[in-house]
Amino acid sequence: MDVNISFADRGIAAATADNGIGWLTINRPEKRNALTDAMWRAVPEAINWLTANQQARVVVIRGAGGRDFSAGADIGEFETLRKDATTARIYEAGNSAAFAAVRTCPVPVIAAVRGICFGGGFGLAAAADIRLADDTARFAIPAARLGLAYPLDAVQDLVRALGDQRARHALFSTQELSAEQATACGCVMKLCRADELDADVLTLATAMASAAPLSVLASKAAITALHSGSRVDYDHAAGLAAATFESTDYAEGRRAFMEKRKPEFQGK
């Protein structure tokens, strides 16, 4: 059964189904899915609802309308909400919380990108674990055209997604990257035909949702520890990995292998 909820006056929509896939939709297609301050602040709520309340095993972020992923932050709010250093710090706290919610989501996050993926929209996609895009996708960070700085945590996500040199180019020049360029540098894992993106995303999400949740959680924690270099993160990842060997899912995986059937993992 599908379960749906919306946040920020329907600007952020969340939905789950029995297949374990959670969908987070940036729902403002008339504004190319530009995010208002309220929408930024709703992203962590939506992800928590999907993972904690609905037990989604994978989250897909997409833009509504079938045209664009997101044009980023709604610049129309900047005159009041981001007009100086004081207001910018308050505003960007909402941005950072949204990026962190995607980056630290306990389950894999896939960004399904078509059309414009600019500014903070690119930041959300960069914070995701994996990006798939169709051949209409365009990526850019226009902060330097506006005379403002891109948030530090978002820059770090960009460097991880694009690589050091491509991230510098995107930030310094503000020039767009095509879908092909983003794929060539590894930012996009798979470039899809426009009419195949949804199916390819669903196939990948289904595979992830079918995997053992505790194994995926341990793997994601290990990758986080590799990037952070933190001893705390390392110990956390090691603990999660060790716990898999005591899990019901590990016993189920062994039995299913011996019985030549598909395992039914419970995340326990």
C-alpha atoms as a PDB file:
ATOM      1  CA  MET A   1       0.000   0.000   0.000  1.00  0.00           C
ATOM      2  CA  ASP A   2       1.309   3.455  -0.918  1.00  0.00           C
ATOM      3  CA  VAL A   3       1.606   5.972   1.924  1.00  0.00           C
ATOM      4  CA  ASN A   4       2.000   9.672   1.161  1.00  0.00           C
ATOM      5  CA  ILE A   5       2.677  12.828   3.142  1.00  0.00           C
ATOM      6  CA  SER A   6       3.675  16.376   2.266  1.00  0.00           C
ATOM      7  CA  PHE A   7       5.642  19.124   3.997  1.00  0.00           C
ATOM      8  CA  ALA A   8       6.183  22.871   3.528  1.00  0.00           C
ATOM      9  CA  ASP A   9       2.793  23.541   1.965  1.00  0.00           C
ATOM     10  CA  ARG A  10       3.234  20.540  -0.354  1.00  0.00           C
ATOM     11  CA  GLY A  11       6.629  21.791  -1.542  1.00  0.00           C
ATOM     12  CA  ILE A  12       8.251  18.555  -0.369  1.00  0.00           C
ATOM     13  CA  ALA A  13       6.360  15.307  -0.936  1.00  0.00           C
ATOM     14  CA  ALA A  14       7.270  11.920   0.497  1.00  0.00           C
ATOM     15  CA  ALA A  15       5.856   8.511  -0.352  1.00  0.00           C
ATOM     16  CA  THR A  16       6.584   4.854   0.307  1.00  0.00           C
ATOM     17  CA  ALA A  17       5.303   1.575  -1.026  1.00  0.00           C
ATOM     18  CA  ASP A  18       5.516  -2.064   0.023  1.00  0.00           C
ATOM     19  CA  ASN A  19       8.726  -2.534  -1.979  1.00  0.00           C
ATOM     20  CA  GLY A  20      10.812  -0.635   0.593  1.00  0.00           C
ATOM     21  CA  ILE A  21      11.520   2.334  -1.686  1.00  0.00           C
ATOM     22  CA  GLY A  22      10.966   5.838  -0.364  1.00  0.00           C
ATOM     23  CA  TRP A  23      10.423   8.766  -2.721  1.00  0.00           C
ATOM     24  CA  LEU A  24      11.255  12.353  -1.801  1.00  0.00           C
ATOM     25  CA  THR A  25       9.926  14.738  -4.440  1.00  0.00           C
ATOM     26  CA  ILE A  26      10.855  18.424  -4.721  1.00  0.00           C
ATOM     27  CA  ASN A  27       7.409  19.602  -5.698  1.00  0.00           C
ATOM     28  CA  ARG A  28       7.455  23.090  -7.156  1.00  0.00           C
ATOM     29  CA  PRO A  29       7.589  22.488 -10.909  1.00  0.00           C
ATOM     30  CA  GLU A  30       6.190  25.914 -11.814  1.00  0.00           C
ATOM     31  CA  LYS A  31       9.415  27.401 -10.332  1.00  0.00           C
ATOM     32  CA  ARG A  32      11.668  24.682 -11.748  1.00  0.00           C
ATOM     33  CA  ASN A  33      11.559  23.072  -8.302  1.00  0.00           C
ATOM     34  CA  ALA A  34      13.423  25.927  -6.615  1.00  0.00           C
ATOM     35  CA  LEU A  35      13.416  25.409  -2.846  1.00  0.00           C
ATOM     36  CA  THR A  36      12.003  27.930  -0.417  1.00  0.00           C
ATOM     37  CA  ASP A  37      13.397  28.263   3.092  1.00  0.00           C
ATOM     38  CA  ALA A  38      10.473  26.195   4.373  1.00  0.00           C
ATOM     39  CA  MET A  39      11.222  23.469   1.840  1.00  0.00           C
ATOM     40  CA  TRP A  40      14.884  23.315   2.859  1.00  0.00           C
ATOM     41  CA  ARG A  41      13.846  22.888   6.473  1.00  0.00           C
ATOM     42  CA  ALA A  42      11.349  20.183   5.527  1.00  0.00           C
ATOM     43  CA  VAL A  43      13.915  17.919   3.848  1.00  0.00           C
ATOM     44  CA  PRO A  44      15.220  16.413   7.141  1.00  0.00           C
ATOM     45  CA  GLU A  45      11.633  15.884   8.311  1.00  0.00           C
ATOM     46  CA  ALA A  46      10.756  14.067   5.112  1.00  0.00           C
ATOM     47  CA  ILE A  47      13.827  11.841   5.232  1.00  0.00           C
ATOM     48  CA  ASN A  48      13.187  10.991   8.869  1.00  0.00           C
ATOM     49  CA  TRP A  49       9.565  10.137   8.054  1.00  0.00           C
ATOM     50  CA  LEU A  50      10.656   7.874   5.202  1.00  0.00           C
ATOM     51  CA  THR A  51      13.358   6.025   7.127  1.00  0.00           C
ATOM     52  CA  ALA A  52      12.230   6.058  10.765  1.00  0.00           C
ATOM     53  CA  ASN A  53       8.448   6.019  10.369  1.00  0.00           C
ATOM     54  CA  GLN A  54       8.070   4.046   7.153  1.00  0.00           C
ATOM     55  CA  GLN A  55      11.282   1.971   7.299  1.00  0.00           C
ATOM     56  CA  ALA A  56      12.229   2.741   3.703  1.00  0.00           C
ATOM     57  CA  ARG A  57      15.364   0.824   2.740  1.00  0.00           C
ATOM     58  CA  VAL A  58      16.393   3.272   0.025  1.00  0.00           C
ATOM     59  CA  VAL A  59      15.388   6.866  -0.721  1.00  0.00           C
ATOM     60  CA  VAL A  60      15.093   8.375  -4.193  1.00  0.00           C
ATOM     61  CA  ILE A  61      15.185  12.168  -4.546  1.00  0.00           C
ATOM     62  CA  ARG A  62      13.613  13.594  -7.691  1.00  0.00           C
ATOM     63  CA  GLY A  63      12.014  16.745  -9.038  1.00  0.00           C
ATOM     64  CA  ALA A  64       8.309  16.991  -9.814  1.00  0.00           C
ATOM     65  CA  GLY A  65       6.957  17.736 -13.249  1.00  0.00           C
ATOM     66  CA  GLY A  66       9.194  15.489 -15.327  1.00  0.00           C
ATOM     67  CA  ARG A  67      11.344  18.400 -16.433  1.00  0.00           C
ATOM     68  CA  ASP A  68      13.850  19.579 -13.799  1.00  0.00           C
ATOM     69  CA  PHE A  69      15.505  18.239 -10.676  1.00  0.00           C
ATOM     70  CA  SER A  70      15.862  21.629  -8.974  1.00  0.00           C
ATOM     71  CA  ALA A  71      17.006  25.160  -9.784  1.00  0.00           C
ATOM     72  CA  GLY A  72      18.328  25.407  -6.215  1.00  0.00           C
ATOM     73  CA  ALA A  73      17.382  27.992  -3.623  1.00  0.00           C
ATOM     74  CA  ASP A  74      14.575  30.437  -4.413  1.00  0.00           C
ATOM     75  CA  ILE A  75      16.510  33.656  -5.047  1.00  0.00           C
ATOM     76  CA  GLY A  76      13.327  35.648  -4.569  1.00  0.00           C
ATOM     77  CA  GLU A  77      13.710  35.109  -0.803  1.00  0.00           C
ATOM     78  CA  PHE A  78      17.286  36.420  -0.635  1.00  0.00           C
ATOM     79  CA  GLU A  79      16.359  40.105  -0.210  1.00  0.00           C
ATOM     80  CA  THR A  80      14.865  39.303   3.178  1.00  0.00           C
ATOM     81  CA  LEU A  81      16.170  35.924   4.305  1.00  0.00           C
ATOM     82  CA  ARG A  82      19.735  36.105   2.988  1.00  0.00           C
ATOM     83  CA  LYS A  83      20.450  39.825   2.772  1.00  0.00           C
ATOM     84  CA  ASP A  84      23.528  39.974   5.032  1.00  0.00           C
ATOM     85  CA  ALA A  85      25.913  37.781   7.022  1.00  0.00           C
ATOM     86  CA  THR A  86      23.561  37.465  10.003  1.00  0.00           C
ATOM     87  CA  THR A  87      20.498  36.410   8.022  1.00  0.00           C
ATOM     88  CA  ALA A  88      22.631  34.268   5.725  1.00  0.00           C
ATOM     89  CA  ARG A  89      23.903  32.221   8.673  1.00  0.00           C
ATOM     90  CA  ILE A  90      20.345  31.536   9.785  1.00  0.00           C
ATOM     91  CA  TYR A  91      19.187  30.712   6.252  1.00  0.00           C
ATOM     92  CA  GLU A  92      22.161  28.482   5.502  1.00  0.00           C
ATOM     93  CA  ALA A  93      21.583  26.496   8.680  1.00  0.00           C
ATOM     94  CA  GLY A  94      18.487  25.172   6.921  1.00  0.00           C
ATOM     95  CA  ASN A  95      20.523  24.381   3.811  1.00  0.00           C
ATOM     96  CA  SER A  96      23.166  22.565   5.828  1.00  0.00           C
ATOM     97  CA  ALA A  97      20.565  20.550   7.733  1.00  0.00           C
ATOM     98  CA  ALA A  98      19.056  19.415   4.427  1.00  0.00           C
ATOM     99  CA  PHE A  99      22.430  18.462   2.961  1.00  0.00           C
ATOM    100  CA  ALA A 100      23.354  16.631   6.180  1.00  0.00           C
ATOM    101  CA  ALA A 101      20.055  14.743   6.216  1.00  0.00           C
ATOM    102  CA  VAL A 102      20.799  13.412   2.741  1.00  0.00           C
ATOM    103  CA  ARG A 103      24.486  12.760   3.422  1.00  0.00           C
ATOM    104  CA  THR A 104      23.921  10.955   6.733  1.00  0.00           C
ATOM    105  CA  CYS A 105      20.696   9.199   5.795  1.00  0.00           C
ATOM    106  CA  PRO A 106      20.904   5.681   7.285  1.00  0.00           C
ATOM    107  CA  VAL A 107      19.864   4.101   3.983  1.00  0.00           C
ATOM    108  CA  PRO A 108      21.193   4.665   0.450  1.00  0.00           C
ATOM    109  CA  VAL A 109      20.036   7.820  -1.299  1.00  0.00           C
ATOM    110  CA  ILE A 110      19.732   7.989  -5.096  1.00  0.00           C
ATOM    111  CA  ALA A 111      19.328  11.308  -6.909  1.00  0.00           C
ATOM    112  CA  ALA A 112      17.349  10.946 -10.144  1.00  0.00           C
ATOM    113  CA  VAL A 113      18.338  13.983 -12.185  1.00  0.00           C
ATOM    114  CA  ARG A 114      16.753  15.388 -15.286  1.00  0.00           C
ATOM    115  CA  GLY A 115      16.906  18.943 -16.582  1.00  0.00           C
ATOM    116  CA  ILE A 116      18.270  21.701 -14.375  1.00  0.00           C
ATOM    117  CA  CYS A 117      20.289  20.710 -11.308  1.00  0.00           C
ATOM    118  CA  PHE A 118      21.716  24.021 -10.124  1.00  0.00           C
ATOM    119  CA  GLY A 119      23.023  25.545  -6.913  1.00  0.00           C
ATOM    120  CA  GLY A 120      21.459  24.014  -3.832  1.00  0.00           C
ATOM    121  CA  GLY A 121      19.687  21.484  -6.026  1.00  0.00           C
ATOM    122  CA  PHE A 122      23.107  20.279  -7.132  1.00  0.00           C
ATOM    123  CA  GLY A 123      24.076  20.308  -3.457  1.00  0.00           C
ATOM    124  CA  LEU A 124      21.287  17.872  -2.605  1.00  0.00           C
ATOM    125  CA  ALA A 125      22.247  15.615  -5.500  1.00  0.00           C
ATOM    126  CA  ALA A 126      25.936  15.786  -4.531  1.00  0.00           C
ATOM    127  CA  ALA A 127      25.081  14.756  -0.961  1.00  0.00           C
ATOM    128  CA  ALA A 128      23.320  11.637  -2.246  1.00  0.00           C
ATOM    129  CA  ASP A 129      25.144   8.316  -2.463  1.00  0.00           C
ATOM    130  CA  ILE A 130      24.508   7.757  -6.166  1.00  0.00           C
ATOM    131  CA  ARG A 131      23.337   9.922  -9.037  1.00  0.00           C
ATOM    132  CA  LEU A 132      21.584   8.760 -12.199  1.00  0.00           C
ATOM    133  CA  ALA A 133      20.719  11.308 -14.867  1.00  0.00           C
ATOM    134  CA  ASP A 134      19.125  11.485 -18.265  1.00  0.00           C
ATOM    135  CA  ASP A 135      20.631  13.266 -21.241  1.00  0.00           C
ATOM    136  CA  THR A 136      18.735  16.506 -20.521  1.00  0.00           C
ATOM    137  CA  ALA A 137      20.510  17.032 -17.191  1.00  0.00           C
ATOM    138  CA  ARG A 138      22.565  20.186 -16.654  1.00  0.00           C
ATOM    139  CA  PHE A 139      24.652  20.914 -13.570  1.00  0.00           C
ATOM    140  CA  ALA A 140      25.930  24.280 -12.317  1.00  0.00           C
ATOM    141  CA  ILE A 141      26.892  26.250  -9.211  1.00  0.00           C
ATOM    142  CA  PRO A 142      26.021  29.892  -9.949  1.00  0.00           C
ATOM    143  CA  ALA A 143      27.030  31.307  -6.528  1.00  0.00           C
ATOM    144  CA  ALA A 144      29.852  33.414  -7.973  1.00  0.00           C
ATOM    145  CA  ARG A 145      27.397  35.097 -10.345  1.00  0.00           C
ATOM    146  CA  LEU A 146      25.469  36.339  -7.327  1.00  0.00           C
ATOM    147  CA  GLY A 147      28.499  37.328  -5.284  1.00  0.00           C
ATOM    148  CA  LEU A 148      27.918  34.881  -2.447  1.00  0.00           C
ATOM    149  CA  ALA A 149      29.810  31.888  -1.097  1.00  0.00           C
ATOM    150  CA  TYR A 150      28.583  28.328  -1.369  1.00  0.00           C
ATOM    151  CA  PRO A 151      28.215  26.637   2.058  1.00  0.00           C
ATOM    152  CA  LEU A 152      31.333  24.790   3.231  1.00  0.00           C
ATOM    153  CA  ASP A 153      29.650  21.428   3.774  1.00  0.00           C
ATOM    154  CA  ALA A 154      28.088  21.610   0.310  1.00  0.00           C
ATOM    155  CA  VAL A 155      31.509  22.367  -1.210  1.00  0.00           C
ATOM    156  CA  GLN A 156      32.854  19.219   0.417  1.00  0.00           C
ATOM    157  CA  ASP A 157      30.028  17.193  -1.105  1.00  0.00           C
ATOM    158  CA  LEU A 158      30.772  18.718  -4.507  1.00  0.00           C
ATOM    159  CA  VAL A 159      34.432  17.748  -4.258  1.00  0.00           C
ATOM    160  CA  ARG A 160      33.455  14.170  -3.416  1.00  0.00           C
ATOM    161  CA  ALA A 161      30.977  14.056  -6.295  1.00  0.00           C
ATOM    162  CA  LEU A 162      32.945  15.884  -8.990  1.00  0.00           C
ATOM    163  CA  GLY A 163      36.551  15.446  -7.957  1.00  0.00           C
ATOM    164  CA  ASP A 164      38.811  18.314  -6.891  1.00  0.00           C
ATOM    165  CA  GLN A 165      39.518  19.909 -10.265  1.00  0.00           C
ATOM    166  CA  ARG A 166      35.966  19.702 -11.634  1.00  0.00           C
ATOM    167  CA  ALA A 167      34.600  21.124  -8.380  1.00  0.00           C
ATOM    168  CA  ARG A 168      37.009  24.056  -8.631  1.00  0.00           C
ATOM    169  CA  HIS A 169      35.949  24.635 -12.226  1.00  0.00           C
ATOM    170  CA  ALA A 170      32.245  24.537 -11.347  1.00  0.00           C
ATOM    171  CA  LEU A 171      32.651  26.933  -8.404  1.00  0.00           C
ATOM    172  CA  PHE A 172      35.134  29.366  -9.973  1.00  0.00           C
ATOM    173  CA  SER A 173      33.661  29.633 -13.473  1.00  0.00           C
ATOM    174  CA  THR A 174      29.936  29.047 -12.789  1.00  0.00           C
ATOM    175  CA  GLN A 175      29.860  27.254 -16.158  1.00  0.00           C
ATOM    176  CA  GLU A 176      27.392  24.432 -16.702  1.00  0.00           C
ATOM    177  CA  LEU A 177      28.351  20.788 -16.942  1.00  0.00           C
ATOM    178  CA  SER A 178      26.433  18.677 -19.388  1.00  0.00           C
ATOM    179  CA  ALA A 179      25.110  15.265 -18.459  1.00  0.00           C
ATOM    180  CA  GLU A 180      27.930  13.747 -20.496  1.00  0.00           C
ATOM    181  CA  GLN A 181      30.601  15.785 -18.681  1.00  0.00           C
ATOM    182  CA  ALA A 182      29.136  14.924 -15.284  1.00  0.00           C
ATOM    183  CA  THR A 183      29.159  11.248 -16.222  1.00  0.00           C
ATOM    184  CA  ALA A 184      32.722  11.382 -17.549  1.00  0.00           C
ATOM    185  CA  CYS A 185      34.068  12.738 -14.234  1.00  0.00           C
ATOM    186  CA  GLY A 186      32.150  10.179 -12.190  1.00  0.00           C
ATOM    187  CA  CYS A 187      29.583  12.546 -10.686  1.00  0.00           C
ATOM    188  CA  VAL A 188      26.805  10.687 -12.495  1.00  0.00           C
ATOM    189  CA  MET A 189      27.031   6.912 -12.167  1.00  0.00           C
ATOM    190  CA  LYS A 190      24.806   6.178 -15.155  1.00  0.00           C
ATOM    191  CA  LEU A 191      23.604   8.341 -18.015  1.00  0.00           C
ATOM    192  CA  CYS A 192      20.176   7.180 -19.164  1.00  0.00           C
ATOM    193  CA  ARG A 193      17.932   7.961 -22.067  1.00  0.00           C
ATOM    194  CA  ALA A 194      15.173  10.378 -21.077  1.00  0.00           C
ATOM    195  CA  ASP A 195      12.510   7.707 -21.447  1.00  0.00           C
ATOM    196  CA  GLU A 196      14.518   5.163 -19.438  1.00  0.00           C
ATOM    197  CA  LEU A 197      15.606   7.146 -16.371  1.00  0.00           C
ATOM    198  CA  ASP A 198      12.594   6.254 -14.225  1.00  0.00           C
ATOM    199  CA  ALA A 199      12.889   2.552 -15.037  1.00  0.00           C
ATOM    200  CA  ASP A 200      16.650   2.514 -14.419  1.00  0.00           C
ATOM    201  CA  VAL A 201      16.231   4.292 -11.091  1.00  0.00           C
ATOM    202  CA  LEU A 202      13.509   1.869 -10.054  1.00  0.00           C
ATOM    203  CA  THR A 203      15.674  -1.126 -10.984  1.00  0.00           C
ATOM    204  CA  LEU A 204      18.597   0.164  -8.924  1.00  0.00           C
ATOM    205  CA  ALA A 205      16.415   1.172  -5.979  1.00  0.00           C
ATOM    206  CA  THR A 206      14.722  -2.231  -5.990  1.00  0.00           C
ATOM    207  CA  ALA A 207      18.088  -3.987  -5.880  1.00  0.00           C
ATOM    208  CA  MET A 208      19.184  -1.871  -2.920  1.00  0.00           C
ATOM    209  CA  ALA A 209      15.888  -2.343  -1.092  1.00  0.00           C
ATOM    210  CA  SER A 210      16.250  -6.112  -1.526  1.00  0.00           C
ATOM    211  CA  ALA A 211      19.734  -6.223   0.010  1.00  0.00           C
ATOM    212  CA  ALA A 212      20.350  -6.948   3.688  1.00  0.00           C
ATOM    213  CA  PRO A 213      19.709  -3.607   5.479  1.00  0.00           C
ATOM    214  CA  LEU A 214      22.311  -4.147   8.197  1.00  0.00           C
ATOM    215  CA  SER A 215      24.964  -4.967   5.604  1.00  0.00           C
ATOM    216  CA  VAL A 216      24.135  -1.834   3.618  1.00  0.00           C
ATOM    217  CA  LEU A 217      24.164   0.261   6.798  1.00  0.00           C
ATOM    218  CA  ALA A 218      27.613  -1.072   7.720  1.00  0.00           C
ATOM    219  CA  SER A 219      28.948  -0.433   4.233  1.00  0.00           C
ATOM    220  CA  LYS A 220      27.652   3.142   4.191  1.00  0.00           C
ATOM    221  CA  ALA A 221      29.210   3.768   7.610  1.00  0.00           C
ATOM    222  CA  ALA A 222      32.535   2.368   6.386  1.00  0.00           C
ATOM    223  CA  ILE A 223      32.549   4.727   3.391  1.00  0.00           C
ATOM    224  CA  THR A 224      31.705   7.646   5.691  1.00  0.00           C
ATOM    225  CA  ALA A 225      34.629   6.723   7.947  1.00  0.00           C
ATOM    226  CA  LEU A 226      36.960   6.543   4.955  1.00  0.00           C
ATOM    227  CA  HIS A 227      36.039  10.086   3.907  1.00  0.00           C
ATOM    228  CA  SER A 228      36.003  11.624   7.377  1.00  0.00           C
ATOM    229  CA  GLY A 229      39.127   9.971   8.749  1.00  0.00           C
ATOM    230  CA  SER A 230      37.435  10.106  12.152  1.00  0.00           C
ATOM    231  CA  ARG A 231      38.301   7.443  14.707  1.00  0.00           C
ATOM    232  CA  VAL A 232      34.777   7.701  16.071  1.00  0.00           C
ATOM    233  CA  ASP A 233      33.355   7.010  12.605  1.00  0.00           C
ATOM    234  CA  TYR A 234      35.798   4.143  12.133  1.00  0.00           C
ATOM    235  CA  ASP A 235      34.814   2.504  15.423  1.00  0.00           C
ATOM    236  CA  HIS A 236      31.127   2.988  14.621  1.00  0.00           C
ATOM    237  CA  ALA A 237      31.527   1.321  11.235  1.00  0.00           C
ATOM    238  CA  ALA A 238      33.534  -1.547  12.730  1.00  0.00           C
ATOM    239  CA  GLY A 239      30.827  -2.115  15.332  1.00  0.00           C
ATOM    240  CA  LEU A 240      28.096  -2.213  12.697  1.00  0.00           C
ATOM    241  CA  ALA A 241      30.105  -4.668  10.599  1.00  0.00           C
ATOM    242  CA  ALA A 242      30.693  -6.978  13.570  1.00  0.00           C
ATOM    243  CA  ALA A 243      26.995  -6.894  14.455  1.00  0.00           C
ATOM    244  CA  THR A 244      26.012  -8.324  11.073  1.00  0.00           C
ATOM    245  CA  PHE A 245      27.549 -11.685  12.028  1.00  0.00           C
ATOM    246  CA  GLU A 246      25.162 -11.992  14.972  1.00  0.00           C
ATOM    247  CA  SER A 247      22.109 -10.939  12.960  1.00  0.00           C
ATOM    248  CA  THR A 248      19.065 -12.936  11.948  1.00  0.00           C
ATOM    249  CA  ASP A 249      19.614 -11.678   8.401  1.00  0.00           C
ATOM    250  CA  TYR A 250      23.046 -13.318   8.212  1.00  0.00           C
ATOM    251  CA  ALA A 251      21.492 -16.649   9.201  1.00  0.00           C
ATOM    252  CA  GLU A 252      18.753 -16.102   6.624  1.00  0.00           C
ATOM    253  CA  GLY A 253      21.320 -15.251   3.960  1.00  0.00           C
ATOM    254  CA  ARG A 254      23.224 -18.477   4.609  1.00  0.00           C
ATOM    255  CA  ARG A 255      20.044 -20.564   4.575  1.00  0.00           C
ATOM    256  CA  ALA A 256      18.793 -18.949   1.378  1.00  0.00           C
ATOM    257  CA  PHE A 257      22.120 -19.600  -0.333  1.00  0.00           C
ATOM    258  CA  MET A 258      22.081 -23.279   0.629  1.00  0.00           C
ATOM    259  CA  GLU A 259      18.419 -23.622  -0.392  1.00  0.00           C
ATOM    260  CA  LYS A 260      18.982 -21.755  -3.674  1.00  0.00           C
ATOM    261  CA  ARG A 261      16.261 -19.198  -3.039  1.00  0.00           C
ATOM    262  CA  LYS A 262      15.992 -15.447  -2.673  1.00  0.00           C
ATOM    263  CA  PRO A 263      16.620 -14.330   0.931  1.00  0.00           C
ATOM    264  CA  GLU A 264      13.979 -12.383   2.843  1.00  0.00           C
ATOM    265  CA  PHE A 265      15.844  -9.892   4.979  1.00  0.00           C
ATOM    266  CA  GLN A 266      14.193  -8.188   7.944  1.00  0.00           C
ATOM    267  CA  GLY A 267      16.918  -5.787   9.030  1.00  0.00           C
ATOM    268  CA  LYS A 268      17.429  -7.687  12.314  1.00  0.00           C
END
